[in-house]
Amino acid sequence: MEIEKILVSDVVDLSSIKSFFASDKDSLIQLIEVYLSDTTPRINTLEESLDKVDYKSVKSITHFLKSSFGLMGISCLDEIASLEKDADNNENEEVIKQKLNIAIPICKDSITEYSIILEKLKAL
């Protein structure tokens, strides 16, 4: 199976990573492994803010995620950027929780999708 056939998704926009890494399987694998290892624990920490918002953590994590989400084609980039501003401004907890409830499932779907893509790439 070719790399191009693996890099297909209805969940994430793969155009950026295709344009940079489509012919380099090893770099793709490394990129996805780093994305998964960096993103998964951060999303778990954001989930904890669904109970009690930790403004410092939300701001720090969303700031970190903005850069990787652009490259990795995650569709909640606007929500993540908005969450960073809201946390920085100590916005009402309910506002932050509403946005987290939108962003977290999208993030989890991207983690699942990239895990599947990673396994297919490794099997090549």
PDB file of N, CA and C in Angstrom:
ATOM      1  N   MET A   1       0.853  -1.185   0.000  1.00  0.00           N
ATOM      2  CA  MET A   1       0.000   0.000   0.000  1.00  0.00           C
ATOM      3  C   MET A   1       0.896   1.244   0.000  1.00  0.00           C
ATOM      4  N   GLU A   2       0.578   2.185  -0.854  1.00  0.00           N
ATOM      5  CA  GLU A   2       1.361   3.414  -0.933  1.00  0.00           C
ATOM      6  C   GLU A   2       1.002   4.365   0.204  1.00  0.00           C
ATOM      7  N   ILE A   3       1.934   5.245   0.501  1.00  0.00           N
ATOM      8  CA  ILE A   3       1.698   6.254   1.542  1.00  0.00           C
ATOM      9  C   ILE A   3       0.479   7.097   1.195  1.00  0.00           C
ATOM     10  N   GLU A   4       0.359   7.490  -0.070  1.00  0.00           N
ATOM     11  CA  GLU A   4      -0.746   8.354  -0.500  1.00  0.00           C
ATOM     12  C   GLU A   4      -2.105   7.713  -0.213  1.00  0.00           C
ATOM     13  N   LYS A   5      -2.194   6.411  -0.339  1.00  0.00           N
ATOM     14  CA  LYS A   5      -3.462   5.714  -0.080  1.00  0.00           C
ATOM     15  C   LYS A   5      -3.779   5.656   1.411  1.00  0.00           C
ATOM     16  N   ILE A   6      -2.759   5.718   2.237  1.00  0.00           N
ATOM     17  CA  ILE A   6      -2.953   5.707   3.691  1.00  0.00           C
ATOM     18  C   ILE A   6      -3.364   7.089   4.190  1.00  0.00           C
ATOM     19  N   LEU A   7      -2.839   8.126   3.545  1.00  0.00           N
ATOM     20  CA  LEU A   7      -3.096   9.496   3.999  1.00  0.00           C
ATOM     21  C   LEU A   7      -4.429  10.009   3.469  1.00  0.00           C
ATOM     22  N   VAL A   8      -5.496   9.376   3.940  1.00  0.00           N
ATOM     23  CA  VAL A   8      -6.861   9.735   3.582  1.00  0.00           C
ATOM     24  C   VAL A   8      -7.655   9.777   4.884  1.00  0.00           C
ATOM     25  N   SER A   9      -8.446  10.847   5.059  1.00  0.00           N
ATOM     26  CA  SER A   9      -9.203  10.961   6.306  1.00  0.00           C
ATOM     27  C   SER A   9     -10.403  11.880   6.141  1.00  0.00           C
ATOM     28  N   ASP A  10     -11.487  11.505   6.787  1.00  0.00           N
ATOM     29  CA  ASP A  10     -12.649  12.387   6.898  1.00  0.00           C
ATOM     30  C   ASP A  10     -12.634  13.131   8.230  1.00  0.00           C
ATOM     31  N   VAL A  11     -11.674  12.808   9.090  1.00  0.00           N
ATOM     32  CA  VAL A  11     -11.620  13.364  10.443  1.00  0.00           C
ATOM     33  C   VAL A  11     -10.646  14.531  10.540  1.00  0.00           C
ATOM     34  N   VAL A  12      -9.490  14.392   9.914  1.00  0.00           N
ATOM     35  CA  VAL A  12      -8.459  15.435   9.956  1.00  0.00           C
ATOM     36  C   VAL A  12      -8.100  15.850   8.531  1.00  0.00           C
ATOM     37  N   ASP A  13      -7.632  17.075   8.380  1.00  0.00           N
ATOM     38  CA  ASP A  13      -7.195  17.591   7.085  1.00  0.00           C
ATOM     39  C   ASP A  13      -5.709  17.267   6.933  1.00  0.00           C
ATOM     40  N   LEU A  14      -5.415  16.356   6.055  1.00  0.00           N
ATOM     41  CA  LEU A  14      -4.045  15.870   5.893  1.00  0.00           C
ATOM     42  C   LEU A  14      -3.243  16.644   4.851  1.00  0.00           C
ATOM     43  N   SER A  15      -3.796  17.718   4.310  1.00  0.00           N
ATOM     44  CA  SER A  15      -3.117  18.424   3.219  1.00  0.00           C
ATOM     45  C   SER A  15      -1.743  18.963   3.613  1.00  0.00           C
ATOM     46  N   SER A  16      -1.595  19.491   4.812  1.00  0.00           N
ATOM     47  CA  SER A  16      -0.294  20.033   5.231  1.00  0.00           C
ATOM     48  C   SER A  16       0.758  18.945   5.356  1.00  0.00           C
ATOM     49  N   ILE A  17       0.424  17.875   6.051  1.00  0.00           N
ATOM     50  CA  ILE A  17       1.451  16.843   6.207  1.00  0.00           C
ATOM     51  C   ILE A  17       1.726  16.135   4.884  1.00  0.00           C
ATOM     52  N   LYS A  18       0.725  16.053   4.012  1.00  0.00           N
ATOM     53  CA  LYS A  18       0.973  15.490   2.682  1.00  0.00           C
ATOM     54  C   LYS A  18       1.968  16.352   1.916  1.00  0.00           C
ATOM     55  N   SER A  19       1.779  17.661   1.986  1.00  0.00           N
ATOM     56  CA  SER A  19       2.652  18.544   1.208  1.00  0.00           C
ATOM     57  C   SER A  19       4.090  18.523   1.714  1.00  0.00           C
ATOM     58  N   PHE A  20       4.288  18.301   2.996  1.00  0.00           N
ATOM     59  CA  PHE A  20       5.641  18.299   3.555  1.00  0.00           C
ATOM     60  C   PHE A  20       6.281  16.908   3.611  1.00  0.00           C
ATOM     61  N   PHE A  21       5.482  15.875   3.845  1.00  0.00           N
ATOM     62  CA  PHE A  21       6.055  14.567   4.181  1.00  0.00           C
ATOM     63  C   PHE A  21       5.545  13.390   3.354  1.00  0.00           C
ATOM     64  N   ALA A  22       4.772  13.626   2.315  1.00  0.00           N
ATOM     65  CA  ALA A  22       4.103  12.527   1.602  1.00  0.00           C
ATOM     66  C   ALA A  22       5.050  11.458   1.078  1.00  0.00           C
ATOM     67  N   SER A  23       6.274  11.814   0.792  1.00  0.00           N
ATOM     68  CA  SER A  23       7.196  10.820   0.240  1.00  0.00           C
ATOM     69  C   SER A  23       8.184  10.287   1.281  1.00  0.00           C
ATOM     70  N   ASP A  24       8.035  10.703   2.523  1.00  0.00           N
ATOM     71  CA  ASP A  24       9.003  10.326   3.559  1.00  0.00           C
ATOM     72  C   ASP A  24       8.298   9.592   4.701  1.00  0.00           C
ATOM     73  N   LYS A  25       8.186   8.293   4.544  1.00  0.00           N
ATOM     74  CA  LYS A  25       7.468   7.461   5.519  1.00  0.00           C
ATOM     75  C   LYS A  25       8.037   7.601   6.929  1.00  0.00           C
ATOM     76  N   ASP A  26       9.353   7.573   7.064  1.00  0.00           N
ATOM     77  CA  ASP A  26       9.963   7.639   8.394  1.00  0.00           C
ATOM     78  C   ASP A  26       9.662   8.959   9.098  1.00  0.00           C
ATOM     79  N   SER A  27       9.704  10.056   8.356  1.00  0.00           N
ATOM     80  CA  SER A  27       9.378  11.362   8.952  1.00  0.00           C
ATOM     81  C   SER A  27       7.911  11.439   9.336  1.00  0.00           C
ATOM     82  N   LEU A  28       7.048  10.869   8.500  1.00  0.00           N
ATOM     83  CA  LEU A  28       5.616  10.832   8.824  1.00  0.00           C
ATOM     84  C   LEU A  28       5.372  10.058  10.112  1.00  0.00           C
ATOM     85  N   ILE A  29       5.998   8.912  10.218  1.00  0.00           N
ATOM     86  CA  ILE A  29       5.843   8.094  11.425  1.00  0.00           C
ATOM     87  C   ILE A  29       6.319   8.871  12.647  1.00  0.00           C
ATOM     88  N   GLN A  30       7.466   9.494  12.533  1.00  0.00           N
ATOM     89  CA  GLN A  30       8.008  10.260  13.661  1.00  0.00           C
ATOM     90  C   GLN A  30       7.086  11.421  14.027  1.00  0.00           C
ATOM     91  N   LEU A  31       6.599  12.143  13.028  1.00  0.00           N
ATOM     92  CA  LEU A  31       5.696  13.272  13.268  1.00  0.00           C
ATOM     93  C   LEU A  31       4.432  12.824  14.000  1.00  0.00           C
ATOM     94  N   ILE A  32       3.831  11.753  13.530  1.00  0.00           N
ATOM     95  CA  ILE A  32       2.589  11.271  14.138  1.00  0.00           C
ATOM     96  C   ILE A  32       2.846  10.740  15.548  1.00  0.00           C
ATOM     97  N   GLU A  33       3.947  10.043  15.747  1.00  0.00           N
ATOM     98  CA  GLU A  33       4.275   9.552  17.092  1.00  0.00           C
ATOM     99  C   GLU A  33       4.453  10.708  18.074  1.00  0.00           C
ATOM    100  N   VAL A  34       5.125  11.758  17.642  1.00  0.00           N
ATOM    101  CA  VAL A  34       5.317  12.926  18.510  1.00  0.00           C
ATOM    102  C   VAL A  34       3.972  13.597  18.787  1.00  0.00           C
ATOM    103  N   TYR A  35       3.154  13.751  17.742  1.00  0.00           N
ATOM    104  CA  TYR A  35       1.829  14.348  17.927  1.00  0.00           C
ATOM    105  C   TYR A  35       1.035  13.564  18.976  1.00  0.00           C
ATOM    106  N   LEU A  36       1.004  12.252  18.834  1.00  0.00           N
ATOM    107  CA  LEU A  36       0.231  11.423  19.767  1.00  0.00           C
ATOM    108  C   LEU A  36       0.794  11.481  21.182  1.00  0.00           C
ATOM    109  N   SER A  37       2.107  11.401  21.313  1.00  0.00           N
ATOM    110  CA  SER A  37       2.698  11.397  22.659  1.00  0.00           C
ATOM    111  C   SER A  37       2.586  12.759  23.338  1.00  0.00           C
ATOM    112  N   ASP A  38       2.604  13.832  22.560  1.00  0.00           N
ATOM    113  CA  ASP A  38       2.468  15.174  23.135  1.00  0.00           C
ATOM    114  C   ASP A  38       1.014  15.556  23.400  1.00  0.00           C
ATOM    115  N   THR A  39       0.124  15.134  22.530  1.00  0.00           N
ATOM    116  CA  THR A  39      -1.263  15.591  22.584  1.00  0.00           C
ATOM    117  C   THR A  39      -2.106  14.806  23.584  1.00  0.00           C
ATOM    118  N   THR A  40      -1.970  13.511  23.614  1.00  0.00           N
ATOM    119  CA  THR A  40      -2.834  12.676  24.453  1.00  0.00           C
ATOM    120  C   THR A  40      -2.838  13.098  25.922  1.00  0.00           C
ATOM    121  N   PRO A  41      -1.685  13.252  26.573  1.00  0.00           N
ATOM    122  CA  PRO A  41      -1.737  13.656  27.990  1.00  0.00           C
ATOM    123  C   PRO A  41      -2.292  15.067  28.179  1.00  0.00           C
ATOM    124  N   ARG A  42      -2.069  15.923  27.214  1.00  0.00           N
ATOM    125  CA  ARG A  42      -2.593  17.293  27.335  1.00  0.00           C
ATOM    126  C   ARG A  42      -4.116  17.321  27.226  1.00  0.00           C
ATOM    127  N   ILE A  43      -4.662  16.501  26.354  1.00  0.00           N
ATOM    128  CA  ILE A  43      -6.120  16.416  26.241  1.00  0.00           C
ATOM    129  C   ILE A  43      -6.701  15.838  27.527  1.00  0.00           C
ATOM    130  N   ASN A  44      -6.028  14.868  28.100  1.00  0.00           N
ATOM    131  CA  ASN A  44      -6.484  14.307  29.383  1.00  0.00           C
ATOM    132  C   ASN A  44      -6.497  15.379  30.473  1.00  0.00           C
ATOM    133  N   THR A  45      -5.498  16.243  30.481  1.00  0.00           N
ATOM    134  CA  THR A  45      -5.460  17.335  31.459  1.00  0.00           C
ATOM    135  C   THR A  45      -6.588  18.329  31.198  1.00  0.00           C
ATOM    136  N   LEU A  46      -6.851  18.632  29.923  1.00  0.00           N
ATOM    137  CA  LEU A  46      -7.972  19.529  29.608  1.00  0.00           C
ATOM    138  C   LEU A  46      -9.290  18.936  30.088  1.00  0.00           C
ATOM    139  N   GLU A  47      -9.431  17.629  29.988  1.00  0.00           N
ATOM    140  CA  GLU A  47     -10.658  16.970  30.460  1.00  0.00           C
ATOM    141  C   GLU A  47     -10.887  17.213  31.942  1.00  0.00           C
ATOM    142  N   GLU A  48      -9.820  17.277  32.698  1.00  0.00           N
ATOM    143  CA  GLU A  48      -9.943  17.544  34.130  1.00  0.00           C
ATOM    144  C   GLU A  48     -10.562  18.918  34.387  1.00  0.00           C
ATOM    145  N   SER A  49     -10.382  19.839  33.438  1.00  0.00           N
ATOM    146  CA  SER A  49     -10.954  21.173  33.597  1.00  0.00           C
ATOM    147  C   SER A  49     -12.453  21.203  33.327  1.00  0.00           C
ATOM    148  N   LEU A  50     -13.019  20.078  32.918  1.00  0.00           N
ATOM    149  CA  LEU A  50     -14.471  20.020  32.782  1.00  0.00           C
ATOM    150  C   LEU A  50     -15.137  20.022  34.151  1.00  0.00           C
ATOM    151  N   ASP A  51     -14.420  19.578  35.178  1.00  0.00           N
ATOM    152  CA  ASP A  51     -14.937  19.627  36.548  1.00  0.00           C
ATOM    153  C   ASP A  51     -14.630  20.976  37.189  1.00  0.00           C
ATOM    154  N   LYS A  52     -13.370  21.335  37.210  1.00  0.00           N
ATOM    155  CA  LYS A  52     -12.927  22.606  37.804  1.00  0.00           C
ATOM    156  C   LYS A  52     -11.871  23.184  36.876  1.00  0.00           C
ATOM    157  N   VAL A  53     -12.165  24.342  36.313  1.00  0.00           N
ATOM    158  CA  VAL A  53     -11.262  24.946  35.334  1.00  0.00           C
ATOM    159  C   VAL A  53      -9.959  25.374  36.000  1.00  0.00           C
ATOM    160  N   ASP A  54      -8.865  24.879  35.456  1.00  0.00           N
ATOM    161  CA  ASP A  54      -7.522  25.296  35.857  1.00  0.00           C
ATOM    162  C   ASP A  54      -7.039  26.248  34.761  1.00  0.00           C
ATOM    163  N   TYR A  55      -7.221  27.535  34.997  1.00  0.00           N
ATOM    164  CA  TYR A  55      -6.947  28.545  33.977  1.00  0.00           C
ATOM    165  C   TYR A  55      -5.510  28.478  33.462  1.00  0.00           C
ATOM    166  N   LYS A  56      -4.574  28.276  34.358  1.00  0.00           N
ATOM    167  CA  LYS A  56      -3.165  28.228  33.962  1.00  0.00           C
ATOM    168  C   LYS A  56      -2.903  27.041  33.030  1.00  0.00           C
ATOM    169  N   SER A  57      -3.429  25.887  33.375  1.00  0.00           N
ATOM    170  CA  SER A  57      -3.248  24.696  32.535  1.00  0.00           C
ATOM    171  C   SER A  57      -3.941  24.851  31.190  1.00  0.00           C
ATOM    172  N   VAL A  58      -5.162  25.348  31.201  1.00  0.00           N
ATOM    173  CA  VAL A  58      -5.898  25.531  29.945  1.00  0.00           C
ATOM    174  C   VAL A  58      -5.132  26.476  29.026  1.00  0.00           C
ATOM    175  N   LYS A  59      -4.644  27.579  29.577  1.00  0.00           N
ATOM    176  CA  LYS A  59      -3.894  28.535  28.752  1.00  0.00           C
ATOM    177  C   LYS A  59      -2.624  27.899  28.198  1.00  0.00           C
ATOM    178  N   SER A  60      -1.867  27.241  29.041  1.00  0.00           N
ATOM    179  CA  SER A  60      -0.603  26.627  28.635  1.00  0.00           C
ATOM    180  C   SER A  60      -0.815  25.534  27.584  1.00  0.00           C
ATOM    181  N   ILE A  61      -1.773  24.671  27.820  1.00  0.00           N
ATOM    182  CA  ILE A  61      -2.018  23.554  26.906  1.00  0.00           C
ATOM    183  C   ILE A  61      -2.550  24.048  25.571  1.00  0.00           C
ATOM    184  N   THR A  62      -3.510  24.951  25.595  1.00  0.00           N
ATOM    185  CA  THR A  62      -4.069  25.433  24.332  1.00  0.00           C
ATOM    186  C   THR A  62      -3.032  26.201  23.528  1.00  0.00           C
ATOM    187  N   HIS A  63      -2.165  26.923  24.201  1.00  0.00           N
ATOM    188  CA  HIS A  63      -1.083  27.618  23.492  1.00  0.00           C
ATOM    189  C   HIS A  63      -0.190  26.593  22.783  1.00  0.00           C
ATOM    190  N   PHE A  64       0.158  25.538  23.481  1.00  0.00           N
ATOM    191  CA  PHE A  64       0.987  24.481  22.898  1.00  0.00           C
ATOM    192  C   PHE A  64       0.281  23.817  21.710  1.00  0.00           C
ATOM    193  N   LEU A  65      -0.998  23.517  21.872  1.00  0.00           N
ATOM    194  CA  LEU A  65      -1.730  22.775  20.847  1.00  0.00           C
ATOM    195  C   LEU A  65      -1.941  23.567  19.564  1.00  0.00           C
ATOM    196  N   LYS A  66      -2.013  24.883  19.662  1.00  0.00           N
ATOM    197  CA  LYS A  66      -2.283  25.693  18.470  1.00  0.00           C
ATOM    198  C   LYS A  66      -1.316  25.390  17.332  1.00  0.00           C
ATOM    199  N   SER A  67      -0.037  25.322  17.637  1.00  0.00           N
ATOM    200  CA  SER A  67       0.948  25.121  16.574  1.00  0.00           C
ATOM    201  C   SER A  67       0.826  23.737  15.939  1.00  0.00           C
ATOM    202  N   SER A  68       0.656  22.715  16.744  1.00  0.00           N
ATOM    203  CA  SER A  68       0.568  21.374  16.160  1.00  0.00           C
ATOM    204  C   SER A  68      -0.761  21.148  15.444  1.00  0.00           C
ATOM    205  N   PHE A  69      -1.832  21.742  15.934  1.00  0.00           N
ATOM    206  CA  PHE A  69      -3.131  21.535  15.305  1.00  0.00           C
ATOM    207  C   PHE A  69      -3.179  22.107  13.897  1.00  0.00           C
ATOM    208  N   GLY A  70      -2.485  23.211  13.663  1.00  0.00           N
ATOM    209  CA  GLY A  70      -2.441  23.776  12.317  1.00  0.00           C
ATOM    210  C   GLY A  70      -1.801  22.802  11.345  1.00  0.00           C
ATOM    211  N   LEU A  71      -0.645  22.292  11.692  1.00  0.00           N
ATOM    212  CA  LEU A  71       0.067  21.346  10.831  1.00  0.00           C
ATOM    213  C   LEU A  71      -0.703  20.038  10.681  1.00  0.00           C
ATOM    214  N   MET A  72      -1.272  19.562  11.763  1.00  0.00           N
ATOM    215  CA  MET A  72      -1.912  18.248  11.755  1.00  0.00           C
ATOM    216  C   MET A  72      -3.359  18.280  11.249  1.00  0.00           C
ATOM    217  N   GLY A  73      -3.879  19.461  10.938  1.00  0.00           N
ATOM    218  CA  GLY A  73      -5.201  19.570  10.333  1.00  0.00           C
ATOM    219  C   GLY A  73      -6.353  19.248  11.259  1.00  0.00           C
ATOM    220  N   ILE A  74      -6.240  19.665  12.507  1.00  0.00           N
ATOM    221  CA  ILE A  74      -7.300  19.409  13.484  1.00  0.00           C
ATOM    222  C   ILE A  74      -8.327  20.538  13.383  1.00  0.00           C
ATOM    223  N   SER A  75      -9.586  20.175  13.255  1.00  0.00           N
ATOM    224  CA  SER A  75     -10.620  21.149  12.900  1.00  0.00           C
ATOM    225  C   SER A  75     -11.046  22.094  14.019  1.00  0.00           C
ATOM    226  N   CYS A  76     -10.573  21.900  15.229  1.00  0.00           N
ATOM    227  CA  CYS A  76     -10.998  22.777  16.327  1.00  0.00           C
ATOM    228  C   CYS A  76      -9.942  23.835  16.660  1.00  0.00           C
ATOM    229  N   LEU A  77      -9.133  24.206  15.700  1.00  0.00           N
ATOM    230  CA  LEU A  77      -8.074  25.188  15.934  1.00  0.00           C
ATOM    231  C   LEU A  77      -8.641  26.516  16.436  1.00  0.00           C
ATOM    232  N   ASP A  78      -9.759  26.965  15.866  1.00  0.00           N
ATOM    233  CA  ASP A  78     -10.371  28.225  16.316  1.00  0.00           C
ATOM    234  C   ASP A  78     -10.816  28.137  17.773  1.00  0.00           C
ATOM    235  N   GLU A  79     -11.407  27.008  18.153  1.00  0.00           N
ATOM    236  CA  GLU A  79     -11.844  26.829  19.538  1.00  0.00           C
ATOM    237  C   GLU A  79     -10.652  26.815  20.492  1.00  0.00           C
ATOM    238  N   ILE A  80      -9.563  26.190  20.066  1.00  0.00           N
ATOM    239  CA  ILE A  80      -8.359  26.121  20.898  1.00  0.00           C
ATOM    240  C   ILE A  80      -7.781  27.520  21.095  1.00  0.00           C
ATOM    241  N   ALA A  81      -7.715  28.303  20.020  1.00  0.00           N
ATOM    242  CA  ALA A  81      -7.202  29.674  20.126  1.00  0.00           C
ATOM    243  C   ALA A  81      -8.106  30.514  21.024  1.00  0.00           C
ATOM    244  N   SER A  82      -9.402  30.329  20.890  1.00  0.00           N
ATOM    245  CA  SER A  82     -10.359  31.055  21.722  1.00  0.00           C
ATOM    246  C   SER A  82     -10.233  30.652  23.191  1.00  0.00           C
ATOM    247  N   LEU A  83     -10.040  29.374  23.442  1.00  0.00           N
ATOM    248  CA  LEU A  83      -9.851  28.896  24.816  1.00  0.00           C
ATOM    249  C   LEU A  83      -8.609  29.501  25.449  1.00  0.00           C
ATOM    250  N   GLU A  84      -7.555  29.634  24.678  1.00  0.00           N
ATOM    251  CA  GLU A  84      -6.334  30.236  25.213  1.00  0.00           C
ATOM    252  C   GLU A  84      -6.612  31.670  25.676  1.00  0.00           C
ATOM    253  N   LYS A  85      -7.313  32.430  24.839  1.00  0.00           N
ATOM    254  CA  LYS A  85      -7.648  33.818  25.207  1.00  0.00           C
ATOM    255  C   LYS A  85      -8.566  33.856  26.423  1.00  0.00           C
ATOM    256  N   ASP A  86      -9.564  32.989  26.419  1.00  0.00           N
ATOM    257  CA  ASP A  86     -10.510  32.959  27.540  1.00  0.00           C
ATOM    258  C   ASP A  86      -9.809  32.628  28.855  1.00  0.00           C
ATOM    259  N   ALA A  87      -8.908  31.661  28.820  1.00  0.00           N
ATOM    260  CA  ALA A  87      -8.177  31.289  30.039  1.00  0.00           C
ATOM    261  C   ALA A  87      -7.275  32.427  30.490  1.00  0.00           C
ATOM    262  N   ASP A  88      -6.660  33.097  29.537  1.00  0.00           N
ATOM    263  CA  ASP A  88      -5.790  34.223  29.868  1.00  0.00           C
ATOM    264  C   ASP A  88      -6.577  35.366  30.507  1.00  0.00           C
ATOM    265  N   ASN A  89      -7.832  35.522  30.081  1.00  0.00           N
ATOM    266  CA  ASN A  89      -8.693  36.593  30.597  1.00  0.00           C
ATOM    267  C   ASN A  89      -9.555  36.147  31.780  1.00  0.00           C
ATOM    268  N   ASN A  90      -9.309  34.938  32.296  1.00  0.00           N
ATOM    269  CA  ASN A  90     -10.117  34.385  33.393  1.00  0.00           C
ATOM    270  C   ASN A  90     -11.611  34.466  33.107  1.00  0.00           C
ATOM    271  N   GLU A  91     -11.974  34.061  31.908  1.00  0.00           N
ATOM    272  CA  GLU A  91     -13.373  34.041  31.481  1.00  0.00           C
ATOM    273  C   GLU A  91     -14.175  33.117  32.400  1.00  0.00           C
ATOM    274  N   ASN A  92     -15.472  33.325  32.416  1.00  0.00           N
ATOM    275  CA  ASN A  92     -16.387  32.507  33.199  1.00  0.00           C
ATOM    276  C   ASN A  92     -16.138  31.018  32.934  1.00  0.00           C
ATOM    277  N   GLU A  93     -16.129  30.224  34.000  1.00  0.00           N
ATOM    278  CA  GLU A  93     -15.865  28.783  33.877  1.00  0.00           C
ATOM    279  C   GLU A  93     -16.816  28.092  32.918  1.00  0.00           C
ATOM    280  N   GLU A  94     -18.076  28.478  32.931  1.00  0.00           N
ATOM    281  CA  GLU A  94     -19.056  27.817  32.062  1.00  0.00           C
ATOM    282  C   GLU A  94     -18.736  28.042  30.590  1.00  0.00           C
ATOM    283  N   VAL A  95     -18.255  29.221  30.245  1.00  0.00           N
ATOM    284  CA  VAL A  95     -17.864  29.514  28.857  1.00  0.00           C
ATOM    285  C   VAL A  95     -16.719  28.595  28.444  1.00  0.00           C
ATOM    286  N   ILE A  96     -15.735  28.470  29.304  1.00  0.00           N
ATOM    287  CA  ILE A  96     -14.587  27.607  29.013  1.00  0.00           C
ATOM    288  C   ILE A  96     -15.025  26.148  28.924  1.00  0.00           C
ATOM    289  N   LYS A  97     -15.867  25.716  29.827  1.00  0.00           N
ATOM    290  CA  LYS A  97     -16.336  24.330  29.804  1.00  0.00           C
ATOM    291  C   LYS A  97     -17.114  24.025  28.523  1.00  0.00           C
ATOM    292  N   GLN A  98     -17.928  24.973  28.060  1.00  0.00           N
ATOM    293  CA  GLN A  98     -18.673  24.774  26.811  1.00  0.00           C
ATOM    294  C   GLN A  98     -17.719  24.575  25.642  1.00  0.00           C
ATOM    295  N   LYS A  99     -16.688  25.396  25.578  1.00  0.00           N
ATOM    296  CA  LYS A  99     -15.717  25.278  24.484  1.00  0.00           C
ATOM    297  C   LYS A  99     -14.897  23.998  24.611  1.00  0.00           C
ATOM    298  N   LEU A 100     -14.566  23.614  25.827  1.00  0.00           N
ATOM    299  CA  LEU A 100     -13.856  22.346  26.026  1.00  0.00           C
ATOM    300  C   LEU A 100     -14.718  21.172  25.568  1.00  0.00           C
ATOM    301  N   ASN A 101     -16.015  21.252  25.824  1.00  0.00           N
ATOM    302  CA  ASN A 101     -16.922  20.183  25.404  1.00  0.00           C
ATOM    303  C   ASN A 101     -17.028  20.067  23.890  1.00  0.00           C
ATOM    304  N   ILE A 102     -16.706  21.132  23.182  1.00  0.00           N
ATOM    305  CA  ILE A 102     -16.651  21.085  21.718  1.00  0.00           C
ATOM    306  C   ILE A 102     -15.294  20.555  21.263  1.00  0.00           C
ATOM    307  N   ALA A 103     -14.233  21.086  21.846  1.00  0.00           N
ATOM    308  CA  ALA A 103     -12.877  20.785  21.376  1.00  0.00           C
ATOM    309  C   ALA A 103     -12.392  19.384  21.748  1.00  0.00           C
ATOM    310  N   ILE A 104     -12.669  18.937  22.952  1.00  0.00           N
ATOM    311  CA  ILE A 104     -12.108  17.658  23.422  1.00  0.00           C
ATOM    312  C   ILE A 104     -12.523  16.468  22.552  1.00  0.00           C
ATOM    313  N   PRO A 105     -13.799  16.314  22.194  1.00  0.00           N
ATOM    314  CA  PRO A 105     -14.143  15.173  21.332  1.00  0.00           C
ATOM    315  C   PRO A 105     -13.446  15.223  19.966  1.00  0.00           C
ATOM    316  N   ILE A 106     -13.285  16.416  19.415  1.00  0.00           N
ATOM    317  CA  ILE A 106     -12.578  16.553  18.138  1.00  0.00           C
ATOM    318  C   ILE A 106     -11.122  16.137  18.307  1.00  0.00           C
ATOM    319  N   CYS A 107     -10.516  16.561  19.393  1.00  0.00           N
ATOM    320  CA  CYS A 107      -9.130  16.183  19.680  1.00  0.00           C
ATOM    321  C   CYS A 107      -8.996  14.676  19.837  1.00  0.00           C
ATOM    322  N   LYS A 108      -9.914  14.075  20.558  1.00  0.00           N
ATOM    323  CA  LYS A 108      -9.868  12.619  20.760  1.00  0.00           C
ATOM    324  C   LYS A 108     -10.055  11.873  19.438  1.00  0.00           C
ATOM    325  N   ASP A 109     -10.953  12.386  18.596  1.00  0.00           N
ATOM    326  CA  ASP A 109     -11.137  11.770  17.279  1.00  0.00           C
ATOM    327  C   ASP A 109      -9.854  11.852  16.458  1.00  0.00           C
ATOM    328  N   SER A 110      -9.149  12.976  16.565  1.00  0.00           N
ATOM    329  CA  SER A 110      -7.893  13.120  15.815  1.00  0.00           C
ATOM    330  C   SER A 110      -6.843  12.142  16.336  1.00  0.00           C
ATOM    331  N   ILE A 111      -6.813  11.935  17.631  1.00  0.00           N
ATOM    332  CA  ILE A 111      -5.865  10.978  18.219  1.00  0.00           C
ATOM    333  C   ILE A 111      -6.161   9.567  17.707  1.00  0.00           C
ATOM    334  N   THR A 112      -7.425   9.200  17.683  1.00  0.00           N
ATOM    335  CA  THR A 112      -7.814   7.888  17.164  1.00  0.00           C
ATOM    336  C   THR A 112      -7.442   7.757  15.694  1.00  0.00           C
ATOM    337  N   GLU A 113      -7.752   8.776  14.920  1.00  0.00           N
ATOM    338  CA  GLU A 113      -7.471   8.750  13.480  1.00  0.00           C
ATOM    339  C   GLU A 113      -5.974   8.642  13.207  1.00  0.00           C
ATOM    340  N   TYR A 114      -5.191   9.439  13.901  1.00  0.00           N
ATOM    341  CA  TYR A 114      -3.746   9.376  13.683  1.00  0.00           C
ATOM    342  C   TYR A 114      -3.148   8.069  14.200  1.00  0.00           C
ATOM    343  N   SER A 115      -3.731   7.474  15.197  1.00  0.00           N
ATOM    344  CA  SER A 115      -3.268   6.158  15.662  1.00  0.00           C
ATOM    345  C   SER A 115      -3.473   5.106  14.575  1.00  0.00           C
ATOM    346  N   ILE A 116      -4.605   5.173  13.906  1.00  0.00           N
ATOM    347  CA  ILE A 116      -4.902   4.240  12.812  1.00  0.00           C
ATOM    348  C   ILE A 116      -3.933   4.463  11.648  1.00  0.00           C
ATOM    349  N   ILE A 117      -3.743   5.725  11.273  1.00  0.00           N
ATOM    350  CA  ILE A 117      -2.820   6.051  10.181  1.00  0.00           C
ATOM    351  C   ILE A 117      -1.409   5.583  10.526  1.00  0.00           C
ATOM    352  N   LEU A 118      -0.996   5.794  11.760  1.00  0.00           N
ATOM    353  CA  LEU A 118       0.341   5.388  12.197  1.00  0.00           C
ATOM    354  C   LEU A 118       0.539   3.877  12.045  1.00  0.00           C
ATOM    355  N   GLU A 119      -0.436   3.103  12.480  1.00  0.00           N
ATOM    356  CA  GLU A 119      -0.317   1.645  12.362  1.00  0.00           C
ATOM    357  C   GLU A 119      -0.219   1.214  10.903  1.00  0.00           C
ATOM    358  N   LYS A 120      -0.981   1.858  10.033  1.00  0.00           N
ATOM    359  CA  LYS A 120      -0.917   1.530   8.602  1.00  0.00           C
ATOM    360  C   LYS A 120       0.447   1.883   8.020  1.00  0.00           C
ATOM    361  N   LEU A 121       0.981   3.030   8.416  1.00  0.00           N
ATOM    362  CA  LEU A 121       2.307   3.426   7.928  1.00  0.00           C
ATOM    363  C   LEU A 121       3.378   2.447   8.393  1.00  0.00           C
ATOM    364  N   LYS A 122       3.295   2.044   9.637  1.00  0.00           N
ATOM    365  CA  LYS A 122       4.284   1.099  10.170  1.00  0.00           C
ATOM    366  C   LYS A 122       4.205  -0.260   9.479  1.00  0.00           C
ATOM    367  N   ALA A 123       3.023  -0.604   8.980  1.00  0.00           N
ATOM    368  CA  ALA A 123       2.834  -1.893   8.317  1.00  0.00           C
ATOM    369  C   ALA A 123       3.359  -1.899   6.879  1.00  0.00           C
ATOM    370  N   LEU A 124       3.656  -0.743   6.337  1.00  0.00           N
ATOM    371  CA  LEU A 124       4.168  -0.665   4.952  1.00  0.00           C
ATOM    372  C   LEU A 124       5.513  -1.340   4.811  1.00  0.00           C
TER     373      LEU A 124
END
